[in-house]
Amino acid sequence: MNTPALFPAIRARMGDWWYYTATFTFSDIAQRVKRVDEIYEADSLKTWIQRQVDNKRREQIATYLGGQKQHFFNAIVLGVFDGAPDWFPVAVTEGHVRTGVALTERVATAFGLVKLTGKEQIFAIDGQHRVEGIKAAISDGNYPELAEEEQTVIIVAHKTDTAGRQRTRRLFTTLNRYAVRVSQGELIALSEDDTYAIVARKLIDEYSGLSSDFVPLYPTANLPPTDKQSITSLISLYSVVKILAVSKGTRSPRHFLHGPPNEEEVDELYQLQFDFWNAIKLYFPEIREIFRSKPESKKAGKYRLESGGHFLLRPFCLVIFAKSVRLLMDRDYSVKNAIKILSKAEMEISNDPWKHVIWNPLKNAMIPKNEVLVRNLLLHQVGQDLDPPGYTLKEEYKVAIGESKSSYLARL
């Protein structure tokens, strides 16, 4: 059982919730905050809030805390039952603070101390994995020096009767429904721990032709039909960086995604991208023309058409192309030679073998599937072994095109 303790806090109200914004040390969190299934009433609690703890995520958070000096979390929302926090206001008067601004009652009575007896049951309504990551960092002996670091917590009272569970369940769903998560594109644009994101941004900053005018940040990897100037999207550029960095079938080193980044590795991955895009420009004159153009000329619209267009100007296809390059690199081709080989494949998506595989000629729309088939069609066209060995290319191609006729079928 924990001992009684005082925590500095601010009391506030939103809706019909009174809550306390306080600070706990990491040690306080590890000692006082329990998982739902550790609380005696676990079965009934699971009827309204229970998330399976992802141990991999737990370890990732612990590694982040220990390895990134600039770590920071937003507030964790804690529910408390089997006791209610006692509030001890600390009166603030104009005699204490001479600001020249009138001191309202709300401000004067907002500050104080929250007392916990140590007998309460405390659990995370929002932030369960952060709690478990903190525990892994200090309680498992990984980074004990973090024990006295401080985390903002928002404390709300919870009752275990039916009405109380409904009330807390509504709070839980509200937090998750109305909190807008950062999009993948925004994470790529902002992350200082993801090596792939750092390299993608370095390309945009330094590589001629891949500026933000040509590689915009859209919420998805796709380019809207109205975009006539972009080469690809930030998300697809990030995917290319990630694909080329690691051999096919090999997992990315954890620190590539979660930091801390290594400057030499950033430079190495950037050089690989530099070579990739130089070879793209060398062997694909249409892409080279766009790279050399000004954004306002909208040259990409010349080759990305409503009726089809160039294979590499569709983000879905560019990613598959990068995977094919990586495959040939794993077969001991240089990135330049891999692209030279693949440049011999058909690049007009409205032609065979791409009709009905990645391009729907009836709807003039992309077919964002058949990735393995597309990769093997690329390999087959340039005389390379299929992947995986024994892949039934002709049969899969027949399934994809259905009843449609294809001149390419006779070549398989």
Protein backbone atom coordinates (compact mmCIF):
# COMPACT_ATOMS: atom_id res chain seq x y z
CA MET A 1 0.00 0.00 0.00
CA ASN A 2 1.25 3.49 -0.82
CA THR A 3 1.73 6.15 1.84
CA PRO A 4 -0.22 9.43 1.91
CA ALA A 5 1.28 12.12 -0.30
CA LEU A 6 0.63 15.67 -1.50
CA PHE A 7 0.81 16.76 -5.14
CA PRO A 8 0.86 20.32 -6.49
CA ALA A 9 -2.20 20.91 -8.64
CA ILE A 10 -4.69 23.24 -10.25
CA ARG A 11 -8.41 22.57 -9.83
CA ALA A 12 -10.70 23.28 -12.78
CA ARG A 13 -14.09 22.43 -14.24
CA MET A 14 -15.23 21.47 -17.72
CA GLY A 15 -18.81 20.39 -18.37
CA ASP A 16 -19.87 18.61 -15.21
CA TRP A 17 -16.37 17.30 -14.48
CA TRP A 18 -14.28 18.73 -11.67
CA TYR A 19 -10.69 17.68 -12.24
CA TYR A 20 -7.17 18.31 -10.97
CA THR A 21 -4.15 18.94 -13.17
CA ALA A 22 -1.18 17.77 -11.12
CA THR A 23 2.33 16.43 -11.55
CA PHE A 24 3.46 12.94 -10.58
CA THR A 25 7.05 11.79 -10.67
CA PHE A 26 7.70 8.74 -12.80
CA SER A 27 8.18 6.87 -9.54
CA ASP A 28 4.71 7.98 -8.36
CA ILE A 29 3.20 6.70 -11.60
CA ALA A 30 4.99 3.37 -11.33
CA GLN A 31 3.89 2.90 -7.72
CA ARG A 32 0.35 4.29 -7.76
CA VAL A 33 -1.14 3.74 -11.23
CA LYS A 34 -2.34 0.22 -11.89
CA ARG A 35 -3.39 -1.63 -14.97
CA VAL A 36 -7.10 -2.32 -15.16
CA ASP A 37 -6.56 -6.06 -14.80
CA GLU A 38 -4.55 -5.49 -11.58
CA ILE A 39 -7.49 -3.84 -9.82
CA TYR A 40 -9.73 -6.02 -7.70
CA GLU A 41 -12.85 -5.14 -9.68
CA ALA A 42 -11.15 -5.95 -12.96
CA ASP A 43 -13.98 -8.03 -14.40
CA SER A 44 -16.51 -5.25 -14.14
CA LEU A 45 -14.03 -2.60 -15.24
CA LYS A 46 -13.38 -4.57 -18.40
CA THR A 47 -17.02 -4.09 -19.29
CA TRP A 48 -16.37 -0.44 -20.01
CA ILE A 49 -12.66 0.17 -20.58
CA GLN A 50 -9.96 -2.35 -21.39
CA ARG A 51 -7.20 -2.14 -23.91
CA GLN A 52 -4.82 -4.96 -24.52
CA VAL A 53 -1.37 -3.78 -23.49
CA ASP A 54 1.03 -4.01 -26.42
CA ASN A 55 4.32 -5.08 -24.88
CA LYS A 56 6.22 -4.02 -27.98
CA ARG A 57 4.80 -0.52 -27.66
CA ARG A 58 5.65 -0.59 -23.94
CA GLU A 59 9.30 -1.28 -24.71
CA GLN A 60 9.40 1.31 -27.48
CA ILE A 61 8.22 3.99 -25.07
CA ALA A 62 10.78 2.93 -22.47
CA THR A 63 13.56 3.09 -25.07
CA TYR A 64 12.36 6.51 -26.18
CA LEU A 65 12.46 7.82 -22.61
CA GLY A 66 15.94 6.45 -22.02
CA GLY A 67 17.45 7.26 -25.40
CA GLN A 68 15.97 10.65 -26.29
CA LYS A 69 17.02 13.44 -23.95
CA GLN A 70 14.30 15.74 -25.29
CA HIS A 71 11.48 13.32 -24.47
CA PHE A 72 8.08 14.74 -23.58
CA PHE A 73 4.54 13.41 -23.12
CA ASN A 74 1.21 15.17 -23.01
CA ALA A 75 -1.01 14.73 -19.94
CA ILE A 76 -2.17 11.31 -18.81
CA VAL A 77 -5.80 11.13 -17.64
CA LEU A 78 -6.19 9.13 -14.43
CA GLY A 79 -9.36 7.77 -12.88
CA VAL A 80 -9.52 7.39 -9.09
CA PHE A 81 -11.92 5.28 -7.04
CA ASP A 82 -12.00 3.66 -3.58
CA GLY A 83 -11.42 7.13 -2.27
CA ALA A 84 -11.53 10.68 -3.58
CA PRO A 85 -8.65 13.15 -3.72
CA ASP A 86 -8.72 15.71 -0.92
CA TRP A 87 -8.27 19.28 -2.10
CA PHE A 88 -6.33 21.83 -0.04
CA PRO A 89 -6.54 25.22 -1.72
CA VAL A 90 -3.65 27.61 -1.40
CA ALA A 91 -5.09 31.11 -1.18
CA VAL A 92 -3.60 33.67 -3.50
CA THR A 93 -4.23 37.32 -2.76
CA GLU A 94 -3.25 40.53 -4.43
CA GLY A 95 -0.84 40.97 -1.57
CA HIS A 96 1.05 37.89 -2.76
CA VAL A 97 1.26 38.85 -6.40
CA ARG A 98 1.49 42.45 -7.52
CA THR A 99 0.73 42.15 -11.22
CA GLY A 100 -1.36 45.23 -11.80
CA VAL A 101 -4.15 42.92 -13.04
CA ALA A 102 -7.30 42.27 -11.02
CA LEU A 103 -7.20 38.86 -9.33
CA THR A 104 -10.46 37.04 -10.04
CA GLU A 105 -11.98 34.51 -7.69
CA ARG A 106 -11.45 31.72 -10.23
CA VAL A 107 -7.73 32.39 -10.46
CA ALA A 108 -7.30 33.02 -6.74
CA THR A 109 -8.88 29.67 -5.79
CA ALA A 110 -7.46 27.48 -8.56
CA PHE A 111 -4.15 26.59 -6.91
CA GLY A 112 -3.59 24.03 -4.23
CA LEU A 113 -2.50 20.57 -3.17
CA VAL A 114 -4.15 17.22 -3.88
CA LYS A 115 -3.84 14.66 -1.12
CA LEU A 116 -3.91 10.95 -1.90
CA THR A 117 -4.08 8.52 1.00
CA GLY A 118 -2.41 5.65 -0.82
CA LYS A 119 -5.51 3.46 -0.50
CA GLU A 120 -7.09 4.67 -3.76
CA GLN A 121 -7.30 2.61 -6.91
CA ILE A 122 -5.82 4.65 -9.76
CA PHE A 123 -5.85 3.65 -13.42
CA ALA A 124 -5.24 5.33 -16.78
CA ILE A 125 -8.37 6.39 -18.65
CA ASP A 126 -6.17 7.80 -21.40
CA GLY A 127 -2.44 7.03 -21.61
CA GLN A 128 -2.25 3.37 -20.63
CA HIS A 129 0.76 2.64 -22.84
CA ARG A 130 2.61 5.72 -21.62
CA VAL A 131 2.09 4.52 -18.05
CA GLU A 132 3.39 1.06 -18.93
CA GLY A 133 6.35 2.57 -20.80
CA ILE A 134 7.26 4.66 -17.74
CA LYS A 135 7.06 1.56 -15.57
CA ALA A 136 9.27 -0.35 -17.99
CA ALA A 137 11.80 2.48 -17.99
CA ILE A 138 12.27 2.70 -14.23
CA SER A 139 10.71 -0.32 -12.52
CA ASP A 140 12.39 -2.88 -14.79
CA GLY A 141 15.76 -1.33 -14.01
CA ASN A 142 16.39 0.01 -17.50
CA TYR A 143 16.67 3.72 -16.73
CA PRO A 144 16.37 4.22 -12.94
CA GLU A 145 17.74 7.76 -13.26
CA LEU A 146 14.37 8.78 -14.72
CA ALA A 147 12.48 8.06 -11.48
CA GLU A 148 12.24 11.69 -10.35
CA GLU A 149 11.20 13.13 -13.70
CA GLU A 150 7.74 14.69 -13.66
CA GLN A 151 4.67 13.89 -15.73
CA THR A 152 1.51 15.97 -15.96
CA VAL A 153 -1.59 14.03 -14.95
CA ILE A 154 -5.27 14.96 -14.99
CA ILE A 155 -7.10 13.35 -12.09
CA VAL A 156 -10.83 12.69 -12.25
CA ALA A 157 -12.98 10.88 -9.71
CA HIS A 158 -14.61 7.61 -10.77
CA LYS A 159 -17.44 5.73 -9.10
CA THR A 160 -17.94 2.01 -9.58
CA ASP A 161 -21.71 1.99 -9.66
CA THR A 162 -23.58 1.76 -12.98
CA ALA A 163 -23.94 5.51 -13.39
CA GLY A 164 -20.28 6.04 -12.51
CA ARG A 165 -19.10 3.49 -15.08
CA GLN A 166 -21.30 5.08 -17.73
CA ARG A 167 -19.89 8.49 -16.88
CA THR A 168 -16.26 7.35 -17.12
CA ARG A 169 -16.94 5.31 -20.24
CA ARG A 170 -18.34 8.45 -21.89
CA LEU A 171 -15.19 10.34 -20.89
CA PHE A 172 -13.00 7.60 -22.36
CA THR A 173 -14.82 7.60 -25.71
CA THR A 174 -14.87 11.41 -25.81
CA LEU A 175 -11.09 11.57 -25.37
CA ASN A 176 -10.56 9.10 -28.19
CA ARG A 177 -13.28 10.37 -30.53
CA TYR A 178 -12.56 14.08 -30.45
CA ALA A 179 -8.79 14.08 -30.02
CA VAL A 180 -7.48 14.43 -33.58
CA ARG A 181 -4.43 12.26 -34.06
CA VAL A 182 -1.42 13.57 -35.93
CA SER A 183 -1.53 12.33 -39.53
CA GLN A 184 1.26 10.24 -41.03
CA GLY A 185 2.26 13.15 -43.24
CA GLU A 186 2.51 15.49 -40.24
CA LEU A 187 4.60 12.95 -38.34
CA ILE A 188 7.02 12.74 -41.28
CA ALA A 189 7.19 16.51 -41.46
CA LEU A 190 7.84 16.92 -37.72
CA SER A 191 9.69 13.85 -36.40
CA GLU A 192 13.22 14.35 -35.12
CA ASP A 193 13.60 10.69 -34.13
CA ASP A 194 12.55 8.85 -37.31
CA THR A 195 15.66 8.56 -39.51
CA TYR A 196 13.56 7.91 -42.62
CA ALA A 197 11.57 11.10 -42.01
CA ILE A 198 14.76 13.09 -41.50
CA VAL A 199 16.15 11.79 -44.81
CA ALA A 200 12.89 12.53 -46.63
CA ARG A 201 12.94 16.11 -45.37
CA LYS A 202 16.62 16.42 -46.27
CA LEU A 203 15.72 15.43 -49.84
CA ILE A 204 13.05 18.12 -49.97
CA ASP A 205 15.45 20.70 -48.56
CA GLU A 206 18.51 19.81 -50.61
CA TYR A 207 17.77 17.71 -53.69
CA SER A 208 16.98 19.76 -56.77
CA GLY A 209 13.54 18.86 -58.10
CA LEU A 210 12.20 17.35 -54.88
CA SER A 211 11.30 20.59 -53.14
CA SER A 212 7.97 20.97 -51.39
CA ASP A 213 6.61 22.46 -54.63
CA PHE A 214 6.98 19.02 -56.21
CA VAL A 215 6.53 16.85 -53.08
CA PRO A 216 3.57 18.23 -51.11
CA LEU A 217 2.30 17.15 -47.73
CA TYR A 218 -1.10 15.56 -48.33
CA PRO A 219 -3.03 13.60 -45.67
CA THR A 220 -2.62 10.40 -47.69
CA ALA A 221 0.01 9.03 -50.09
CA ASN A 222 -2.21 9.72 -53.10
CA LEU A 223 -2.11 12.82 -55.26
CA PRO A 224 -5.46 14.48 -55.99
CA PRO A 225 -6.56 14.45 -59.66
CA THR A 226 -6.22 18.25 -59.78
CA ASP A 227 -2.50 18.14 -58.95
CA LYS A 228 -0.60 18.77 -62.18
CA GLN A 229 2.80 19.73 -60.80
CA SER A 230 3.85 17.22 -58.13
CA ILE A 231 6.20 14.33 -58.77
CA THR A 232 4.93 12.41 -55.76
CA SER A 233 3.63 12.94 -52.23
CA LEU A 234 5.63 13.27 -49.01
CA ILE A 235 4.24 9.97 -47.71
CA SER A 236 5.28 8.06 -50.83
CA LEU A 237 8.72 9.71 -50.80
CA TYR A 238 9.08 8.57 -47.18
CA SER A 239 8.07 5.05 -48.24
CA VAL A 240 10.75 5.02 -50.92
CA VAL A 241 13.37 6.10 -48.36
CA LYS A 242 12.30 3.34 -46.00
CA ILE A 243 12.12 0.64 -48.69
CA LEU A 244 15.57 1.28 -50.15
CA ALA A 245 17.23 1.52 -46.74
CA VAL A 246 16.69 -2.09 -45.67
CA SER A 247 16.99 -5.38 -47.53
CA LYS A 248 13.70 -6.98 -48.54
CA GLY A 249 12.36 -9.20 -45.78
CA THR A 250 14.55 -7.55 -43.12
CA ARG A 251 13.09 -5.51 -40.28
CA SER A 252 14.10 -1.90 -39.94
CA PRO A 253 16.55 -1.26 -37.09
CA ARG A 254 14.48 0.05 -34.19
CA HIS A 255 16.49 3.24 -33.84
CA PHE A 256 15.74 4.14 -37.48
CA LEU A 257 12.13 4.68 -36.43
CA HIS A 258 12.37 5.63 -32.78
CA GLY A 259 15.72 7.37 -32.51
CA PRO A 260 18.06 8.67 -31.55
CA PRO A 261 19.15 9.31 -35.15
CA ASN A 262 22.77 8.73 -36.14
CA GLU A 263 24.24 11.46 -38.36
CA GLU A 264 26.43 9.06 -40.33
CA GLU A 265 23.45 6.81 -41.05
CA VAL A 266 21.38 9.80 -42.12
CA ASP A 267 24.12 10.76 -44.58
CA GLU A 268 24.42 7.18 -45.83
CA LEU A 269 20.69 6.83 -46.47
CA TYR A 270 20.59 10.25 -48.09
CA GLN A 271 23.39 9.26 -50.47
CA LEU A 272 21.42 6.16 -51.46
CA GLN A 273 18.41 8.34 -52.21
CA PHE A 274 20.61 10.77 -54.09
CA ASP A 275 21.82 7.91 -56.30
CA PHE A 276 18.28 6.60 -56.74
CA TRP A 277 16.84 9.89 -57.95
CA ASN A 278 19.86 10.66 -60.11
CA ALA A 279 19.33 7.33 -61.87
CA ILE A 280 15.61 8.02 -62.22
CA LYS A 281 16.42 11.28 -63.99
CA LEU A 282 19.04 9.58 -66.15
CA TYR A 283 16.87 6.72 -67.45
CA PHE A 284 13.44 8.36 -67.49
CA PRO A 285 13.44 11.51 -69.66
CA GLU A 286 9.86 12.40 -68.72
CA ILE A 287 10.79 12.57 -65.03
CA ARG A 288 13.95 14.48 -65.90
CA GLU A 289 11.86 17.06 -67.74
CA ILE A 290 9.68 17.60 -64.67
CA PHE A 291 12.71 17.88 -62.39
CA ARG A 292 14.11 20.63 -64.59
CA SER A 293 10.84 22.55 -64.83
CA LYS A 294 9.40 25.30 -62.69
CA PRO A 295 6.39 24.44 -60.51
CA GLU A 296 4.11 26.88 -62.31
CA SER A 297 4.70 25.09 -65.63
CA LYS A 298 2.83 22.05 -64.23
CA LYS A 299 4.88 19.65 -66.34
CA ALA A 300 3.75 16.65 -64.32
CA GLY A 301 0.29 17.14 -65.82
CA LYS A 302 1.82 16.40 -69.23
CA TYR A 303 2.67 12.86 -68.11
CA ARG A 304 0.11 12.13 -65.37
CA LEU A 305 -3.09 12.10 -67.37
CA GLU A 306 -6.74 11.44 -66.72
CA SER A 307 -6.40 8.64 -69.25
CA GLY A 308 -3.30 7.09 -67.62
CA GLY A 309 0.22 8.41 -67.91
CA HIS A 310 3.64 7.57 -66.57
CA PHE A 311 4.07 4.69 -64.13
CA LEU A 312 6.42 6.57 -61.79
CA LEU A 313 4.09 9.55 -61.41
CA ARG A 314 1.57 7.45 -59.50
CA PRO A 315 2.61 7.11 -55.81
CA PHE A 316 1.32 3.53 -55.62
CA CYS A 317 3.47 2.54 -58.61
CA LEU A 318 6.53 4.46 -57.44
CA VAL A 319 6.52 2.52 -54.17
CA ILE A 320 6.31 -0.81 -56.01
CA PHE A 321 9.09 0.34 -58.34
CA ALA A 322 11.26 1.12 -55.29
CA LYS A 323 10.57 -2.35 -53.90
CA SER A 324 11.67 -3.85 -57.22
CA VAL A 325 14.85 -1.78 -57.13
CA ARG A 326 15.54 -2.98 -53.58
CA LEU A 327 15.03 -6.57 -54.73
CA LEU A 328 17.61 -6.17 -57.50
CA MET A 329 19.98 -4.48 -55.07
CA ASP A 330 19.68 -7.58 -52.88
CA ARG A 331 20.77 -9.52 -55.98
CA ASP A 332 23.98 -7.45 -56.03
CA TYR A 333 22.99 -4.85 -58.61
CA SER A 334 23.88 -1.24 -57.85
CA VAL A 335 20.93 1.10 -57.44
CA LYS A 336 21.87 2.73 -60.77
CA ASN A 337 22.02 -0.58 -62.66
CA ALA A 338 18.80 -1.79 -61.05
CA ILE A 339 16.97 1.29 -62.32
CA LYS A 340 18.61 0.97 -65.75
CA ILE A 341 17.27 -2.58 -66.01
CA LEU A 342 13.77 -1.69 -64.84
CA SER A 343 13.59 1.31 -67.16
CA LYS A 344 13.10 -1.13 -70.05
CA ALA A 345 9.66 -2.09 -68.72
CA GLU A 346 6.44 -0.53 -70.05
CA MET A 347 5.86 2.78 -68.28
CA GLU A 348 2.50 3.86 -69.75
CA ILE A 349 -0.10 2.57 -67.31
CA SER A 350 -2.92 2.61 -69.88
CA ASN A 351 -1.02 0.01 -71.97
CA ASP A 352 -0.62 -3.72 -71.42
CA PRO A 353 0.33 -5.28 -69.12
CA TRP A 354 -1.00 -2.59 -66.78
CA LYS A 355 -4.58 -2.33 -68.06
CA HIS A 356 -6.93 -3.97 -65.54
CA VAL A 357 -3.96 -4.62 -63.23
CA ILE A 358 -3.19 -1.12 -61.96
CA TRP A 359 -5.31 0.92 -64.36
CA ASN A 360 -9.05 0.68 -64.97
CA PRO A 361 -9.58 1.97 -68.55
CA LEU A 362 -13.37 2.05 -68.12
CA LYS A 363 -13.28 4.34 -65.09
CA ASN A 364 -9.94 6.01 -65.83
CA ALA A 365 -8.87 5.22 -62.29
CA MET A 366 -6.05 3.51 -60.42
CA ILE A 367 -6.49 0.00 -59.07
CA PRO A 368 -4.50 0.19 -55.80
CA LYS A 369 -3.93 -3.53 -55.31
CA ASN A 370 -2.13 -6.44 -57.00
CA GLU A 371 1.22 -5.29 -55.60
CA VAL A 372 2.98 -8.66 -55.88
CA LEU A 373 1.64 -9.13 -59.42
CA VAL A 374 2.82 -5.65 -60.45
CA ARG A 375 6.30 -6.26 -59.07
CA ASN A 376 6.57 -9.57 -60.90
CA LEU A 377 5.31 -8.06 -64.14
CA LEU A 378 8.11 -5.51 -63.85
CA LEU A 379 10.65 -8.28 -63.26
CA HIS A 380 9.31 -10.43 -66.11
CA GLN A 381 9.42 -7.61 -68.63
CA VAL A 382 13.13 -7.06 -68.02
CA GLY A 383 14.13 -10.74 -67.88
CA GLN A 384 14.62 -10.99 -64.10
CA ASP A 385 13.69 -13.95 -61.89
CA LEU A 386 10.31 -13.68 -60.23
CA ASP A 387 9.84 -13.15 -56.52
CA PRO A 388 9.03 -15.34 -54.74
CA PRO A 389 10.50 -18.17 -56.87
CA GLY A 390 7.75 -20.23 -58.46
CA TYR A 391 5.28 -17.35 -58.53
CA THR A 392 2.48 -18.28 -60.97
CA LEU A 393 2.57 -15.10 -63.00
CA LYS A 394 0.33 -16.17 -65.87
CA GLU A 395 -2.41 -17.45 -63.59
CA GLU A 396 -2.36 -14.35 -61.38
CA TYR A 397 -2.38 -12.11 -64.43
CA LYS A 398 -5.43 -13.91 -65.84
CA VAL A 399 -7.26 -13.43 -62.56
CA ALA A 400 -6.48 -9.71 -62.54
CA ILE A 401 -7.57 -8.95 -66.12
CA GLY A 402 -10.64 -11.20 -65.97
CA GLU A 403 -12.43 -11.46 -69.29
CA SER A 404 -10.50 -8.59 -70.83
CA LYS A 405 -8.20 -9.28 -73.74
CA SER A 406 -4.50 -8.61 -73.41
CA SER A 407 -1.76 -8.88 -75.99
CA TYR A 408 0.68 -9.47 -73.13
CA LEU A 409 -0.89 -12.78 -72.15
CA ALA A 410 0.84 -14.59 -75.03
CA ARG A 411 4.24 -13.55 -73.68
CA LEU A 412 3.79 -15.25 -70.32
